[in-house]
Amino acid sequence: MASAMMRSGLRNALRGGSKVSAPPKRRFSSSAHHDEAYEAAEASKWEKITYLGIATCTILAIYNLSKGHPHHEEPPAYPYLHIRNKEFPWVNQVLVLVSYFSHLCAAK
C-alpha cells in the first residue's frame, strides 16, 4: 500500500506536479439572466392563466352544486334492525334526555 502511494506520488512529481484546478463555478437558476421584459411577460402570462383557472373551477363548482341529485328511497324495515331485547342500565333509552330537558325547562 505504501509503495503504491510512493509510486503514484513519484509519477505525479515527474509529470510536473499535481495541477490545482480552478474551483468549480456555482451555477444556479439565478445565474441565467433574462431581460426584465421577458420576466414581466412571463409573470403576466401566468397571472392570467391563474385567474382563468380560478374562474373555470368556480364555474364548474357552481354548476355541480346547482344540479339536482337523486334522492334515495327509504330502506325497508328489516326485522333485525333496532332490536332491543335488553333494557339499558338507565331509565328509558329514548326519553332520557327529553325528560331531563323538560324538567329543566319546567324549573325556569
N, C-alpha and C. Protein backbone atom coordinates (compact mmCIF):
# COMPACT_ATOMS: atom_id res chain seq x y z
N MET A 1 0.83 -1.18 0.00
CA MET A 1 0.00 0.00 0.00
C MET A 1 0.87 1.25 0.00
N ALA A 2 1.86 1.25 0.88
CA ALA A 2 2.74 2.42 0.96
C ALA A 2 3.55 2.57 -0.31
N SER A 3 3.96 1.44 -0.90
CA SER A 3 4.76 1.52 -2.13
C SER A 3 3.91 2.05 -3.29
N ALA A 4 2.62 1.72 -3.31
CA ALA A 4 1.75 2.22 -4.37
C ALA A 4 1.57 3.73 -4.24
N MET A 5 1.48 4.20 -3.01
CA MET A 5 1.35 5.64 -2.80
C MET A 5 2.63 6.36 -3.21
N MET A 6 3.77 5.75 -2.90
CA MET A 6 5.05 6.35 -3.28
C MET A 6 5.18 6.39 -4.80
N ARG A 7 4.77 5.32 -5.46
CA ARG A 7 4.85 5.26 -6.91
C ARG A 7 3.98 6.33 -7.56
N SER A 8 2.72 6.50 -7.07
CA SER A 8 1.84 7.50 -7.66
C SER A 8 2.34 8.90 -7.36
N GLY A 9 2.92 9.12 -6.19
CA GLY A 9 3.49 10.42 -5.87
C GLY A 9 4.68 10.75 -6.74
N LEU A 10 5.55 9.76 -6.98
CA LEU A 10 6.71 9.96 -7.84
C LEU A 10 6.28 10.22 -9.28
N ARG A 11 5.26 9.50 -9.74
CA ARG A 11 4.76 9.68 -11.09
C ARG A 11 4.20 11.09 -11.26
N ASN A 12 3.44 11.59 -10.27
CA ASN A 12 2.90 12.95 -10.33
C ASN A 12 4.00 13.99 -10.31
N ALA A 13 5.04 13.75 -9.53
CA ALA A 13 6.15 14.70 -9.46
C ALA A 13 6.89 14.77 -10.77
N LEU A 14 7.07 13.62 -11.44
CA LEU A 14 7.78 13.61 -12.71
C LEU A 14 6.96 14.25 -13.83
N ARG A 15 5.64 14.18 -13.75
CA ARG A 15 4.78 14.77 -14.77
C ARG A 15 4.69 16.29 -14.65
N GLY A 16 5.13 16.82 -13.61
CA GLY A 16 5.04 18.26 -13.46
C GLY A 16 4.28 18.64 -12.21
N GLY A 17 4.13 17.73 -11.34
CA GLY A 17 3.44 18.01 -10.09
C GLY A 17 1.93 17.93 -10.26
N SER A 18 1.28 18.06 -9.17
CA SER A 18 -0.18 18.00 -9.23
C SER A 18 -0.70 19.37 -9.64
N LYS A 19 -1.55 19.37 -10.60
CA LYS A 19 -2.12 20.63 -11.08
C LYS A 19 -3.38 20.93 -10.27
N VAL A 20 -3.39 22.10 -9.74
CA VAL A 20 -4.56 22.51 -8.97
C VAL A 20 -5.55 23.11 -9.94
N SER A 21 -6.69 22.52 -10.01
CA SER A 21 -7.71 23.02 -10.93
C SER A 21 -8.47 24.17 -10.27
N ALA A 22 -9.04 24.98 -11.09
CA ALA A 22 -9.83 26.10 -10.58
C ALA A 22 -11.08 25.54 -9.90
N PRO A 23 -11.52 26.21 -8.84
CA PRO A 23 -12.73 25.71 -8.18
C PRO A 23 -13.92 25.77 -9.14
N PRO A 24 -14.80 24.81 -9.06
CA PRO A 24 -15.94 24.80 -9.98
C PRO A 24 -16.85 26.00 -9.74
N LYS A 25 -17.40 26.50 -10.82
CA LYS A 25 -18.31 27.64 -10.70
C LYS A 25 -19.68 27.16 -10.26
N ARG A 26 -20.31 27.98 -9.44
CA ARG A 26 -21.65 27.65 -8.98
C ARG A 26 -22.65 28.12 -10.02
N ARG A 27 -23.47 27.21 -10.48
CA ARG A 27 -24.46 27.56 -11.50
C ARG A 27 -25.85 27.27 -10.93
N PHE A 28 -26.50 28.33 -10.51
CA PHE A 28 -27.86 28.22 -10.01
C PHE A 28 -28.81 28.81 -11.05
N SER A 29 -30.08 28.69 -10.79
CA SER A 29 -31.04 29.21 -11.75
C SER A 29 -30.99 30.73 -11.83
N SER A 30 -30.50 31.38 -10.78
CA SER A 30 -30.43 32.84 -10.82
C SER A 30 -29.30 33.32 -11.72
N SER A 31 -28.37 32.45 -12.07
CA SER A 31 -27.26 32.88 -12.91
C SER A 31 -27.67 33.01 -14.37
N ALA A 32 -28.77 32.39 -14.76
CA ALA A 32 -29.24 32.52 -16.13
C ALA A 32 -30.09 33.78 -16.21
N HIS A 33 -29.47 34.89 -16.56
CA HIS A 33 -30.17 36.17 -16.54
C HIS A 33 -31.01 36.34 -17.80
N HIS A 34 -32.27 36.70 -17.58
CA HIS A 34 -33.16 37.06 -18.68
C HIS A 34 -33.40 38.55 -18.58
N ASP A 35 -33.84 39.10 -19.66
CA ASP A 35 -34.16 40.53 -19.57
C ASP A 35 -35.46 40.70 -18.81
N GLU A 36 -35.63 41.87 -18.24
CA GLU A 36 -36.78 42.11 -17.37
C GLU A 36 -38.09 42.13 -18.14
N ALA A 37 -38.06 42.49 -19.39
CA ALA A 37 -39.29 42.49 -20.19
C ALA A 37 -39.81 41.06 -20.37
N TYR A 38 -38.90 40.12 -20.59
CA TYR A 38 -39.29 38.72 -20.72
C TYR A 38 -39.88 38.21 -19.42
N GLU A 39 -39.23 38.54 -18.30
CA GLU A 39 -39.72 38.07 -17.00
C GLU A 39 -41.08 38.69 -16.68
N ALA A 40 -41.28 39.96 -17.02
CA ALA A 40 -42.58 40.60 -16.79
C ALA A 40 -43.66 39.97 -17.65
N ALA A 41 -43.31 39.63 -18.89
CA ALA A 41 -44.29 38.98 -19.77
C ALA A 41 -44.66 37.60 -19.25
N GLU A 42 -43.67 36.84 -18.76
CA GLU A 42 -43.95 35.51 -18.20
C GLU A 42 -44.83 35.62 -16.95
N ALA A 43 -44.53 36.59 -16.08
CA ALA A 43 -45.33 36.76 -14.87
C ALA A 43 -46.76 37.14 -15.22
N SER A 44 -46.91 38.01 -16.21
CA SER A 44 -48.25 38.41 -16.64
C SER A 44 -49.00 37.23 -17.24
N LYS A 45 -48.30 36.41 -18.01
CA LYS A 45 -48.94 35.23 -18.63
C LYS A 45 -49.45 34.28 -17.55
N TRP A 46 -48.62 33.98 -16.54
CA TRP A 46 -49.04 33.03 -15.52
C TRP A 46 -50.10 33.62 -14.60
N GLU A 47 -50.11 34.94 -14.44
CA GLU A 47 -51.17 35.57 -13.66
C GLU A 47 -52.51 35.40 -14.38
N LYS A 48 -52.51 35.60 -15.70
CA LYS A 48 -53.74 35.42 -16.48
C LYS A 48 -54.20 33.97 -16.47
N ILE A 49 -53.26 33.04 -16.57
CA ILE A 49 -53.60 31.61 -16.53
C ILE A 49 -54.21 31.26 -15.17
N THR A 50 -53.65 31.82 -14.10
CA THR A 50 -54.17 31.55 -12.76
C THR A 50 -55.60 32.06 -12.61
N TYR A 51 -55.85 33.31 -13.05
CA TYR A 51 -57.20 33.85 -12.95
C TYR A 51 -58.19 33.06 -13.80
N LEU A 52 -57.76 32.63 -14.96
CA LEU A 52 -58.63 31.81 -15.82
C LEU A 52 -58.95 30.48 -15.14
N GLY A 53 -57.95 29.88 -14.50
CA GLY A 53 -58.18 28.62 -13.79
C GLY A 53 -59.12 28.79 -12.61
N ILE A 54 -58.97 29.90 -11.87
CA ILE A 54 -59.87 30.16 -10.74
C ILE A 54 -61.30 30.33 -11.23
N ALA A 55 -61.47 31.10 -12.31
CA ALA A 55 -62.81 31.31 -12.85
C ALA A 55 -63.42 29.99 -13.35
N THR A 56 -62.62 29.18 -14.02
CA THR A 56 -63.12 27.90 -14.54
C THR A 56 -63.54 26.98 -13.40
N CYS A 57 -62.71 26.87 -12.37
CA CYS A 57 -63.05 25.99 -11.24
C CYS A 57 -64.28 26.49 -10.51
N THR A 58 -64.42 27.81 -10.37
CA THR A 58 -65.60 28.36 -9.70
C THR A 58 -66.87 28.06 -10.49
N ILE A 59 -66.81 28.25 -11.80
CA ILE A 59 -67.99 27.97 -12.64
C ILE A 59 -68.35 26.49 -12.58
N LEU A 60 -67.36 25.61 -12.65
CA LEU A 60 -67.64 24.18 -12.57
C LEU A 60 -68.21 23.79 -11.21
N ALA A 61 -67.71 24.39 -10.14
CA ALA A 61 -68.22 24.08 -8.81
C ALA A 61 -69.67 24.53 -8.67
N ILE A 62 -69.98 25.73 -9.16
CA ILE A 62 -71.36 26.22 -9.09
C ILE A 62 -72.28 25.32 -9.91
N TYR A 63 -71.84 24.91 -11.08
CA TYR A 63 -72.65 24.03 -11.92
C TYR A 63 -72.91 22.69 -11.22
N ASN A 64 -71.86 22.10 -10.64
CA ASN A 64 -72.03 20.80 -9.98
C ASN A 64 -72.90 20.91 -8.74
N LEU A 65 -72.79 22.00 -8.00
CA LEU A 65 -73.59 22.14 -6.80
C LEU A 65 -75.04 22.49 -7.10
N SER A 66 -75.29 23.12 -8.25
CA SER A 66 -76.66 23.50 -8.56
C SER A 66 -77.46 22.36 -9.19
N LYS A 67 -76.79 21.34 -9.68
CA LYS A 67 -77.50 20.21 -10.28
C LYS A 67 -78.28 19.47 -9.19
N GLY A 68 -79.40 18.94 -9.56
CA GLY A 68 -80.16 18.12 -8.64
C GLY A 68 -79.51 16.76 -8.48
N HIS A 69 -79.81 16.12 -7.40
CA HIS A 69 -79.29 14.78 -7.19
C HIS A 69 -80.44 13.86 -6.82
N PRO A 70 -80.35 12.60 -7.20
CA PRO A 70 -81.46 11.69 -6.91
C PRO A 70 -81.54 11.38 -5.42
N HIS A 71 -82.75 11.39 -4.91
CA HIS A 71 -82.96 11.04 -3.51
C HIS A 71 -83.18 9.54 -3.42
N HIS A 72 -82.57 8.95 -2.44
CA HIS A 72 -82.66 7.51 -2.28
C HIS A 72 -83.96 7.15 -1.55
N GLU A 73 -84.46 5.98 -1.88
CA GLU A 73 -85.67 5.51 -1.22
C GLU A 73 -85.34 5.10 0.21
N GLU A 74 -86.34 5.12 1.04
CA GLU A 74 -86.15 4.68 2.42
C GLU A 74 -85.88 3.18 2.42
N PRO A 75 -84.95 2.73 3.23
CA PRO A 75 -84.69 1.29 3.26
C PRO A 75 -85.87 0.56 3.91
N PRO A 76 -86.08 -0.67 3.53
CA PRO A 76 -87.19 -1.43 4.13
C PRO A 76 -86.94 -1.67 5.61
N ALA A 77 -88.01 -1.82 6.35
CA ALA A 77 -87.89 -2.05 7.80
C ALA A 77 -87.61 -3.53 8.03
N TYR A 78 -86.35 -3.88 7.99
CA TYR A 78 -85.97 -5.27 8.22
C TYR A 78 -86.20 -5.62 9.69
N PRO A 79 -86.59 -6.86 9.97
CA PRO A 79 -86.91 -7.22 11.36
C PRO A 79 -85.67 -7.28 12.26
N TYR A 80 -84.48 -7.36 11.68
CA TYR A 80 -83.29 -7.49 12.52
C TYR A 80 -82.67 -6.14 12.87
N LEU A 81 -83.25 -5.04 12.40
CA LEU A 81 -82.73 -3.72 12.74
C LEU A 81 -83.41 -3.18 13.99
N HIS A 82 -82.68 -2.46 14.80
CA HIS A 82 -83.18 -1.82 16.03
C HIS A 82 -83.81 -2.81 16.99
N ILE A 83 -83.18 -3.94 17.17
CA ILE A 83 -83.66 -4.93 18.14
C ILE A 83 -83.23 -4.48 19.53
N ARG A 84 -84.18 -4.43 20.45
CA ARG A 84 -83.87 -4.05 21.82
C ARG A 84 -84.50 -5.09 22.75
N ASN A 85 -83.75 -6.15 23.02
CA ASN A 85 -84.24 -7.21 23.89
C ASN A 85 -83.93 -6.93 25.35
N LYS A 86 -82.94 -6.10 25.59
CA LYS A 86 -82.48 -5.89 26.95
C LYS A 86 -82.56 -4.39 27.26
N GLU A 87 -83.02 -4.06 28.45
CA GLU A 87 -83.12 -2.66 28.85
C GLU A 87 -81.73 -2.09 29.11
N PHE A 88 -81.59 -0.83 28.84
CA PHE A 88 -80.34 -0.16 29.17
C PHE A 88 -80.26 0.04 30.68
N PRO A 89 -79.06 0.25 31.22
CA PRO A 89 -78.95 0.44 32.68
C PRO A 89 -79.63 1.70 33.17
N TRP A 90 -79.91 2.65 32.33
CA TRP A 90 -80.63 3.83 32.75
C TRP A 90 -82.09 3.70 32.36
N VAL A 91 -82.88 4.64 32.71
CA VAL A 91 -84.34 4.54 32.69
C VAL A 91 -84.89 4.17 31.31
N ASN A 92 -85.11 5.10 30.46
CA ASN A 92 -85.67 4.84 29.15
C ASN A 92 -84.68 5.37 28.12
N GLN A 93 -84.23 4.51 27.24
CA GLN A 93 -83.15 4.90 26.33
C GLN A 93 -83.56 6.01 25.38
N VAL A 94 -84.83 6.14 25.08
CA VAL A 94 -85.26 7.14 24.12
C VAL A 94 -85.58 8.47 24.80
N LEU A 95 -86.23 8.40 25.94
CA LEU A 95 -86.74 9.62 26.56
C LEU A 95 -85.89 10.16 27.70
N VAL A 96 -84.67 9.69 27.85
CA VAL A 96 -83.84 10.17 28.97
C VAL A 96 -83.57 11.65 28.83
N LEU A 97 -83.06 12.08 27.69
CA LEU A 97 -82.72 13.48 27.51
C LEU A 97 -83.96 14.36 27.40
N VAL A 98 -85.02 13.82 26.80
CA VAL A 98 -86.25 14.61 26.66
C VAL A 98 -86.81 14.94 28.03
N SER A 99 -86.87 13.95 28.92
CA SER A 99 -87.41 14.20 30.25
C SER A 99 -86.47 15.11 31.05
N TYR A 100 -85.18 14.99 30.84
CA TYR A 100 -84.22 15.83 31.55
C TYR A 100 -84.38 17.29 31.13
N PHE A 101 -84.48 17.52 29.82
CA PHE A 101 -84.60 18.89 29.34
C PHE A 101 -85.98 19.47 29.68
N SER A 102 -87.01 18.65 29.65
CA SER A 102 -88.33 19.16 30.03
C SER A 102 -88.36 19.52 31.51
N HIS A 103 -87.63 18.76 32.33
CA HIS A 103 -87.52 19.08 33.75
C HIS A 103 -86.80 20.42 33.94
N LEU A 104 -85.76 20.67 33.16
CA LEU A 104 -85.03 21.93 33.26
C LEU A 104 -85.89 23.10 32.80
N CYS A 105 -86.64 22.90 31.73
CA CYS A 105 -87.49 23.97 31.21
C CYS A 105 -88.63 24.27 32.17
N ALA A 106 -89.15 23.26 32.85
CA ALA A 106 -90.25 23.46 33.80
C ALA A 106 -89.76 24.20 35.04
N ALA A 107 -88.49 24.02 35.39
CA ALA A 107 -87.95 24.67 36.59
C ALA A 107 -87.77 26.17 36.36
N LYS A 108 -87.65 26.61 35.14
CA LYS A 108 -87.43 28.04 34.86
C LYS A 108 -88.68 28.80 34.86
